[in-house]
C-alpha cells in the first residue's frame, strides 16, 4: 500500500495491493492486512495508562504482556480486534483507577471516591465490551434441545408438559394439581340424578 498526495487537492490517494500483506499479525488485530493489525496494536498500547511512564523497561513489559493477552483472545476479524483492543484499554484504566483510588490518603475522601467511581465506570465498560464480543462471536444464536417423550409409563405431569411443547396447548391445559383433584372425585350415581320432566310441570321423578 502506498500513499501519494494529490497535486491538485489536499486529498491523499491510496493504492492498495491485496497481495502485499500476509496477515502474519492477524492475532493482534483480526485483519488480513498487517498494516491494520500493527496500527490497531499501536493505538491500543499507547492508550494504556503506563504508556506515558518515563521508564522504558516498564512500558515495554506492559505492552508485551497486553499484546500477548490479545493474542490469547485471538480476534477472528477486525470487529473482534476493535472490541478486544478497547476491552484491554478499559480494563487497564479500571485497574489503574482502583489502584489510584485506594492509594489516596484517608483524609482525601472525595478524591478517593471520585477515582473509585471512575474505576467502576470503566469496569462496566469492560463487561459491556465482553458481552458484545461474545454476542459477535455467537452471532446471537441460541441452541434449542428437543426431547421426544413416549406415552408408555408417563406420568400425568409429563404428558401435560409433552403436549404443551408439541402442540402449544399450554394456555388451555389445567394444572396437574387440579387434574389430580378431579380424578379422585367419585362419579355421580345415576339413580340419584333428576331426570327431565316429560310434561313440563316440574314433577320429574328420580330414575330407579
C-alpha atoms as a PDB file:
ATOM      1  CA  UNK A   1       0.000   0.000   0.000  1.00  0.00           C
ATOM      2  CA  UNK A   2       1.349   3.406  -0.960  1.00  0.00           C
ATOM      3  CA  UNK A   3       0.069   6.849  -0.024  1.00  0.00           C
ATOM      4  CA  UNK A   4       0.624   9.609  -2.544  1.00  0.00           C
ATOM      5  CA  UNK A   5      -0.612  13.196  -2.135  1.00  0.00           C
ATOM      6  CA  UNK A   6      -2.678  14.556  -4.982  1.00  0.00           C
ATOM      7  CA  UNK A   7      -1.113  17.618  -6.637  1.00  0.00           C
ATOM      8  CA  UNK A   8      -4.491  19.216  -7.419  1.00  0.00           C
ATOM      9  CA  UNK A   9      -6.021  18.817  -3.964  1.00  0.00           C
ATOM     10  CA  UNK A  10      -5.181  18.082  -0.359  1.00  0.00           C
ATOM     11  CA  UNK A  11      -6.674  14.557  -0.595  1.00  0.00           C
ATOM     12  CA  UNK A  12      -4.406  11.543  -0.345  1.00  0.00           C
ATOM     13  CA  UNK A  13      -4.795   8.767  -2.861  1.00  0.00           C
ATOM     14  CA  UNK A  14      -4.082   5.237  -1.710  1.00  0.00           C
ATOM     15  CA  UNK A  15      -3.017   2.394  -3.910  1.00  0.00           C
ATOM     16  CA  UNK A  16      -3.890  -0.857  -2.204  1.00  0.00           C
ATOM     17  CA  UNK A  17      -2.221  -4.112  -3.079  1.00  0.00           C
ATOM     18  CA  UNK A  18      -4.244  -7.070  -1.705  1.00  0.00           C
ATOM     19  CA  UNK A  19      -1.252  -9.367  -2.165  1.00  0.00           C
ATOM     20  CA  UNK A  20       1.185  -7.178  -0.229  1.00  0.00           C
ATOM     21  CA  UNK A  21       0.018  -8.172   3.260  1.00  0.00           C
ATOM     22  CA  UNK A  22       0.492 -11.674   4.581  1.00  0.00           C
ATOM     23  CA  UNK A  23      -1.595 -11.414   7.763  1.00  0.00           C
ATOM     24  CA  UNK A  24       1.240 -12.623   9.999  1.00  0.00           C
ATOM     25  CA  UNK A  25      -0.052 -10.453  12.850  1.00  0.00           C
ATOM     26  CA  UNK A  26      -3.722 -11.306  12.499  1.00  0.00           C
ATOM     27  CA  UNK A  27      -3.785 -12.383  16.145  1.00  0.00           C
ATOM     28  CA  UNK A  28      -3.221  -8.748  17.111  1.00  0.00           C
ATOM     29  CA  UNK A  29      -5.984  -7.143  15.050  1.00  0.00           C
ATOM     30  CA  UNK A  30      -8.031  -9.825  13.329  1.00  0.00           C
ATOM     31  CA  UNK A  31      -7.373  -8.451   9.855  1.00  0.00           C
ATOM     32  CA  UNK A  32      -5.712  -9.909   6.788  1.00  0.00           C
ATOM     33  CA  UNK A  33      -3.675  -6.724   6.314  1.00  0.00           C
ATOM     34  CA  UNK A  34      -0.723  -6.356   8.661  1.00  0.00           C
ATOM     35  CA  UNK A  35      -0.951  -2.577   8.304  1.00  0.00           C
ATOM     36  CA  UNK A  36      -4.306  -2.738  10.108  1.00  0.00           C
ATOM     37  CA  UNK A  37      -3.113  -5.190  12.734  1.00  0.00           C
ATOM     38  CA  UNK A  38       0.004  -3.187  13.564  1.00  0.00           C
ATOM     39  CA  UNK A  39      -1.846   0.126  13.692  1.00  0.00           C
ATOM     40  CA  UNK A  40      -4.581  -1.207  15.961  1.00  0.00           C
ATOM     41  CA  UNK A  41      -1.996  -2.745  18.271  1.00  0.00           C
ATOM     42  CA  UNK A  42      -0.029   0.503  18.326  1.00  0.00           C
ATOM     43  CA  UNK A  43      -3.125   2.531  19.195  1.00  0.00           C
ATOM     44  CA  UNK A  44      -4.020   0.072  21.949  1.00  0.00           C
ATOM     45  CA  UNK A  45      -0.635   0.052  23.690  1.00  0.00           C
ATOM     46  CA  UNK A  46      -0.443   3.856  23.526  1.00  0.00           C
ATOM     47  CA  UNK A  47      -3.851   4.036  25.218  1.00  0.00           C
ATOM     48  CA  UNK A  48      -2.598   2.092  28.246  1.00  0.00           C
ATOM     49  CA  UNK A  49      -2.005   4.086  31.444  1.00  0.00           C
ATOM     50  CA  UNK A  50       1.626   3.023  31.737  1.00  0.00           C
ATOM     51  CA  UNK A  51       2.383   4.095  28.160  1.00  0.00           C
ATOM     52  CA  UNK A  52       3.065   7.594  29.486  1.00  0.00           C
ATOM     53  CA  UNK A  53       5.594   6.387  32.025  1.00  0.00           C
ATOM     54  CA  UNK A  54       9.212   7.536  31.788  1.00  0.00           C
ATOM     55  CA  UNK A  55      10.517   4.041  32.441  1.00  0.00           C
ATOM     56  CA  UNK A  56      11.013   2.431  29.023  1.00  0.00           C
ATOM     57  CA  UNK A  57      11.514  -1.023  30.502  1.00  0.00           C
ATOM     58  CA  UNK A  58       8.171  -0.829  32.312  1.00  0.00           C
ATOM     59  CA  UNK A  59       6.439   0.327  29.138  1.00  0.00           C
ATOM     60  CA  UNK A  60       7.957  -2.487  27.092  1.00  0.00           C
ATOM     61  CA  UNK A  61       6.955  -5.186  29.569  1.00  0.00           C
ATOM     62  CA  UNK A  62       3.418  -3.859  29.868  1.00  0.00           C
ATOM     63  CA  UNK A  63       2.930  -3.562  26.099  1.00  0.00           C
ATOM     64  CA  UNK A  64       4.233  -7.076  25.532  1.00  0.00           C
ATOM     65  CA  UNK A  65       2.017  -8.506  28.258  1.00  0.00           C
ATOM     66  CA  UNK A  66      -1.127  -6.841  26.897  1.00  0.00           C
ATOM     67  CA  UNK A  67      -0.251  -7.844  23.327  1.00  0.00           C
ATOM     68  CA  UNK A  68       0.133 -11.464  24.412  1.00  0.00           C
ATOM     69  CA  UNK A  69      -3.264 -11.204  26.078  1.00  0.00           C
ATOM     70  CA  UNK A  70      -4.779 -10.035  22.801  1.00  0.00           C
ATOM     71  CA  UNK A  71      -3.141 -12.958  21.009  1.00  0.00           C
ATOM     72  CA  UNK A  72      -4.670 -15.373  23.521  1.00  0.00           C
ATOM     73  CA  UNK A  73      -8.106 -13.950  22.727  1.00  0.00           C
ATOM     74  CA  UNK A  74      -7.253 -14.462  19.034  1.00  0.00           C
ATOM     75  CA  UNK A  75      -9.512 -11.973  17.190  1.00  0.00           C
ATOM     76  CA  UNK A  76     -11.025 -13.628  14.134  1.00  0.00           C
ATOM     77  CA  UNK A  77     -11.893 -10.423  12.248  1.00  0.00           C
ATOM     78  CA  UNK A  78     -11.343  -6.649  12.536  1.00  0.00           C
ATOM     79  CA  UNK A  79     -14.556  -6.220  14.577  1.00  0.00           C
ATOM     80  CA  UNK A  80     -13.233  -8.578  17.229  1.00  0.00           C
ATOM     81  CA  UNK A  81      -9.881  -6.812  17.018  1.00  0.00           C
ATOM     82  CA  UNK A  82     -11.515  -3.454  17.800  1.00  0.00           C
ATOM     83  CA  UNK A  83     -13.576  -4.846  20.682  1.00  0.00           C
ATOM     84  CA  UNK A  84     -10.604  -6.639  22.226  1.00  0.00           C
ATOM     85  CA  UNK A  85      -8.361  -3.571  21.913  1.00  0.00           C
ATOM     86  CA  UNK A  86     -10.952  -1.374  23.613  1.00  0.00           C
ATOM     87  CA  UNK A  87     -11.572  -4.055  26.229  1.00  0.00           C
ATOM     88  CA  UNK A  88      -7.859  -4.160  27.072  1.00  0.00           C
ATOM     89  CA  UNK A  89      -7.615  -0.383  27.367  1.00  0.00           C
ATOM     90  CA  UNK A  90     -10.752  -0.185  29.518  1.00  0.00           C
ATOM     91  CA  UNK A  91      -9.533  -2.988  31.781  1.00  0.00           C
ATOM     92  CA  UNK A  92      -6.158  -1.301  32.312  1.00  0.00           C
ATOM     93  CA  UNK A  93      -7.910   2.006  33.018  1.00  0.00           C
ATOM     94  CA  UNK A  94     -10.246   0.392  35.550  1.00  0.00           C
ATOM     95  CA  UNK A  95      -7.418  -1.289  37.437  1.00  0.00           C
ATOM     96  CA  UNK A  96      -5.299   1.850  37.367  1.00  0.00           C
ATOM     97  CA  UNK A  97      -8.196   3.898  38.777  1.00  0.00           C
ATOM     98  CA  UNK A  98      -8.788   1.354  41.531  1.00  0.00           C
ATOM     99  CA  UNK A  99      -5.120   1.491  42.452  1.00  0.00           C
ATOM    100  CA  UNK A 100      -5.148   5.284  42.352  1.00  0.00           C
ATOM    101  CA  UNK A 101      -8.296   5.484  44.454  1.00  0.00           C
ATOM    102  CA  UNK A 102      -7.162   3.184  47.235  1.00  0.00           C
ATOM    103  CA  UNK A 103      -3.778   4.860  47.218  1.00  0.00           C
ATOM    104  CA  UNK A 104      -5.276   8.185  48.283  1.00  0.00           C
ATOM    105  CA  UNK A 105      -4.803   9.184  51.960  1.00  0.00           C
ATOM    106  CA  UNK A 106      -7.937   8.710  54.101  1.00  0.00           C
ATOM    107  CA  UNK A 107      -8.320  12.454  54.551  1.00  0.00           C
ATOM    108  CA  UNK A 108      -8.754  12.873  50.773  1.00  0.00           C
ATOM    109  CA  UNK A 109     -12.111  11.134  50.844  1.00  0.00           C
ATOM    110  CA  UNK A 110     -13.601  12.995  47.860  1.00  0.00           C
ATOM    111  CA  UNK A 111     -10.602  12.237  45.646  1.00  0.00           C
ATOM    112  CA  UNK A 112     -10.701   8.573  46.629  1.00  0.00           C
ATOM    113  CA  UNK A 113     -14.445   8.383  45.927  1.00  0.00           C
ATOM    114  CA  UNK A 114     -14.001  10.018  42.517  1.00  0.00           C
ATOM    115  CA  UNK A 115     -11.273   7.607  41.466  1.00  0.00           C
ATOM    116  CA  UNK A 116     -13.331   4.606  42.581  1.00  0.00           C
ATOM    117  CA  UNK A 117     -16.377   5.877  40.689  1.00  0.00           C
ATOM    118  CA  UNK A 118     -14.324   6.216  37.520  1.00  0.00           C
ATOM    119  CA  UNK A 119     -12.937   2.721  38.100  1.00  0.00           C
ATOM    120  CA  UNK A 120     -16.447   1.298  38.416  1.00  0.00           C
ATOM    121  CA  UNK A 121     -17.479   3.038  35.192  1.00  0.00           C
ATOM    122  CA  UNK A 122     -14.500   1.589  33.331  1.00  0.00           C
ATOM    123  CA  UNK A 123     -15.247  -1.855  34.790  1.00  0.00           C
ATOM    124  CA  UNK A 124     -18.817  -1.660  33.471  1.00  0.00           C
ATOM    125  CA  UNK A 125     -17.378  -0.782  30.069  1.00  0.00           C
ATOM    126  CA  UNK A 126     -15.255  -3.939  30.239  1.00  0.00           C
ATOM    127  CA  UNK A 127     -18.369  -6.003  30.959  1.00  0.00           C
ATOM    128  CA  UNK A 128     -20.273  -4.402  28.090  1.00  0.00           C
ATOM    129  CA  UNK A 129     -17.432  -4.978  25.625  1.00  0.00           C
ATOM    130  CA  UNK A 130     -17.086  -8.588  26.770  1.00  0.00           C
ATOM    131  CA  UNK A 131     -20.793  -9.181  26.196  1.00  0.00           C
ATOM    132  CA  UNK A 132     -20.623  -7.572  22.744  1.00  0.00           C
ATOM    133  CA  UNK A 133     -17.618  -9.744  21.871  1.00  0.00           C
ATOM    134  CA  UNK A 134     -19.456 -12.905  22.947  1.00  0.00           C
ATOM    135  CA  UNK A 135     -22.551 -11.796  21.030  1.00  0.00           C
ATOM    136  CA  UNK A 136     -20.496 -11.142  17.894  1.00  0.00           C
ATOM    137  CA  UNK A 137     -18.774 -14.496  18.107  1.00  0.00           C
ATOM    138  CA  UNK A 138     -22.034 -16.328  18.727  1.00  0.00           C
ATOM    139  CA  UNK A 139     -23.969 -14.132  16.270  1.00  0.00           C
ATOM    140  CA  UNK A 140     -26.863 -14.185  18.786  1.00  0.00           C
ATOM    141  CA  UNK A 141     -27.665 -17.838  18.081  1.00  0.00           C
ATOM    142  CA  UNK A 142     -29.405 -19.959  20.682  1.00  0.00           C
ATOM    143  CA  UNK A 143     -29.242 -23.724  20.974  1.00  0.00           C
ATOM    144  CA  UNK A 144     -32.609 -25.434  21.396  1.00  0.00           C
ATOM    145  CA  UNK A 145     -32.778 -29.075  22.521  1.00  0.00           C
ATOM    146  CA  UNK A 146     -35.960 -31.058  21.794  1.00  0.00           C
ATOM    147  CA  UNK A 147     -36.617 -34.256  23.735  1.00  0.00           C
ATOM    148  CA  UNK A 148     -39.107 -36.836  22.481  1.00  0.00           C
ATOM    149  CA  UNK A 149     -41.313 -38.317  25.206  1.00  0.00           C
ATOM    150  CA  UNK A 150     -43.009 -41.677  24.684  1.00  0.00           C
ATOM    151  CA  UNK A 151     -46.518 -42.322  26.015  1.00  0.00           C
ATOM    152  CA  UNK A 152     -45.566 -45.549  27.804  1.00  0.00           C
ATOM    153  CA  UNK A 153     -45.109 -45.232  31.561  1.00  0.00           C
ATOM    154  CA  UNK A 154     -45.505 -41.459  31.505  1.00  0.00           C
ATOM    155  CA  UNK A 155     -46.993 -39.605  34.445  1.00  0.00           C
ATOM    156  CA  UNK A 156     -49.784 -37.078  34.074  1.00  0.00           C
ATOM    157  CA  UNK A 157     -47.422 -34.166  34.609  1.00  0.00           C
ATOM    158  CA  UNK A 158     -45.026 -35.393  31.916  1.00  0.00           C
ATOM    159  CA  UNK A 159     -47.897 -35.909  29.478  1.00  0.00           C
ATOM    160  CA  UNK A 160     -49.117 -32.351  30.042  1.00  0.00           C
ATOM    161  CA  UNK A 161     -45.620 -30.935  29.512  1.00  0.00           C
ATOM    162  CA  UNK A 162     -45.140 -33.007  26.358  1.00  0.00           C
ATOM    163  CA  UNK A 163     -48.493 -31.847  25.000  1.00  0.00           C
ATOM    164  CA  UNK A 164     -47.644 -28.236  25.764  1.00  0.00           C
ATOM    165  CA  UNK A 165     -44.313 -28.466  23.943  1.00  0.00           C
ATOM    166  CA  UNK A 166     -45.541 -30.326  20.864  1.00  0.00           C
ATOM    167  CA  UNK A 167     -48.968 -28.756  20.349  1.00  0.00           C
ATOM    168  CA  UNK A 168     -48.634 -25.433  22.106  1.00  0.00           C
ATOM    169  CA  UNK A 169     -51.561 -26.240  24.340  1.00  0.00           C
ATOM    170  CA  UNK A 170     -50.096 -24.736  27.483  1.00  0.00           C
ATOM    171  CA  UNK A 171     -52.673 -21.957  27.534  1.00  0.00           C
ATOM    172  CA  UNK A 172     -55.654 -24.288  27.783  1.00  0.00           C
ATOM    173  CA  UNK A 173     -54.120 -27.027  29.932  1.00  0.00           C
ATOM    174  CA  UNK A 174     -55.314 -27.353  33.516  1.00  0.00           C
ATOM    175  CA  UNK A 175     -52.778 -27.560  36.289  1.00  0.00           C
ATOM    176  CA  UNK A 176     -51.574 -31.043  37.403  1.00  0.00           C
ATOM    177  CA  UNK A 177     -52.938 -30.420  40.907  1.00  0.00           C
ATOM    178  CA  UNK A 178     -56.404 -29.656  39.532  1.00  0.00           C
ATOM    179  CA  UNK A 179     -56.362 -32.729  37.315  1.00  0.00           C
ATOM    180  CA  UNK A 180     -55.329 -34.900  40.240  1.00  0.00           C
ATOM    181  CA  UNK A 181     -58.132 -33.483  42.391  1.00  0.00           C
ATOM    182  CA  UNK A 182     -60.738 -34.063  39.680  1.00  0.00           C
ATOM    183  CA  UNK A 183     -59.540 -37.604  39.031  1.00  0.00           C
ATOM    184  CA  UNK A 184     -60.197 -38.550  42.667  1.00  0.00           C
ATOM    185  CA  UNK A 185     -63.789 -37.238  42.683  1.00  0.00           C
ATOM    186  CA  UNK A 186     -66.402 -40.102  42.506  1.00  0.00           C
ATOM    187  CA  UNK A 187     -68.686 -40.408  39.518  1.00  0.00           C
ATOM    188  CA  UNK A 188     -72.308 -39.352  40.219  1.00  0.00           C
ATOM    189  CA  UNK A 189     -74.808 -42.196  40.796  1.00  0.00           C
ATOM    190  CA  UNK A 190     -77.413 -42.288  38.046  1.00  0.00           C
ATOM    191  CA  UNK A 191     -80.211 -43.266  40.417  1.00  0.00           C
ATOM    192  CA  UNK A 192     -79.722 -40.047  42.355  1.00  0.00           C
ATOM    193  CA  UNK A 193     -79.765 -37.745  39.352  1.00  0.00           C
ATOM    194  CA  UNK A 194     -83.022 -35.999  38.476  1.00  0.00           C
ATOM    195  CA  UNK A 195     -84.428 -36.801  35.042  1.00  0.00           C
ATOM    196  CA  UNK A 196     -86.073 -34.143  32.868  1.00  0.00           C
ATOM    197  CA  UNK A 197     -89.810 -33.630  33.362  1.00  0.00           C
ATOM    198  CA  UNK A 198     -91.611 -35.119  30.321  1.00  0.00           C
ATOM    199  CA  UNK A 199     -94.760 -32.960  30.772  1.00  0.00           C
ATOM    200  CA  UNK A 200     -93.004 -29.783  31.820  1.00  0.00           C
ATOM    201  CA  UNK A 201     -94.880 -29.242  35.115  1.00  0.00           C
ATOM    202  CA  UNK A 202     -91.871 -29.607  37.383  1.00  0.00           C
ATOM    203  CA  UNK A 203     -92.829 -33.014  38.724  1.00  0.00           C
ATOM    204  CA  UNK A 204     -89.910 -35.014  37.493  1.00  0.00           C
ATOM    205  CA  UNK A 205     -89.149 -38.274  39.212  1.00  0.00           C
ATOM    206  CA  UNK A 206     -85.933 -39.992  40.090  1.00  0.00           C
ATOM    207  CA  UNK A 207     -84.921 -42.943  37.975  1.00  0.00           C
ATOM    208  CA  UNK A 208     -84.681 -46.271  39.755  1.00  0.00           C
END
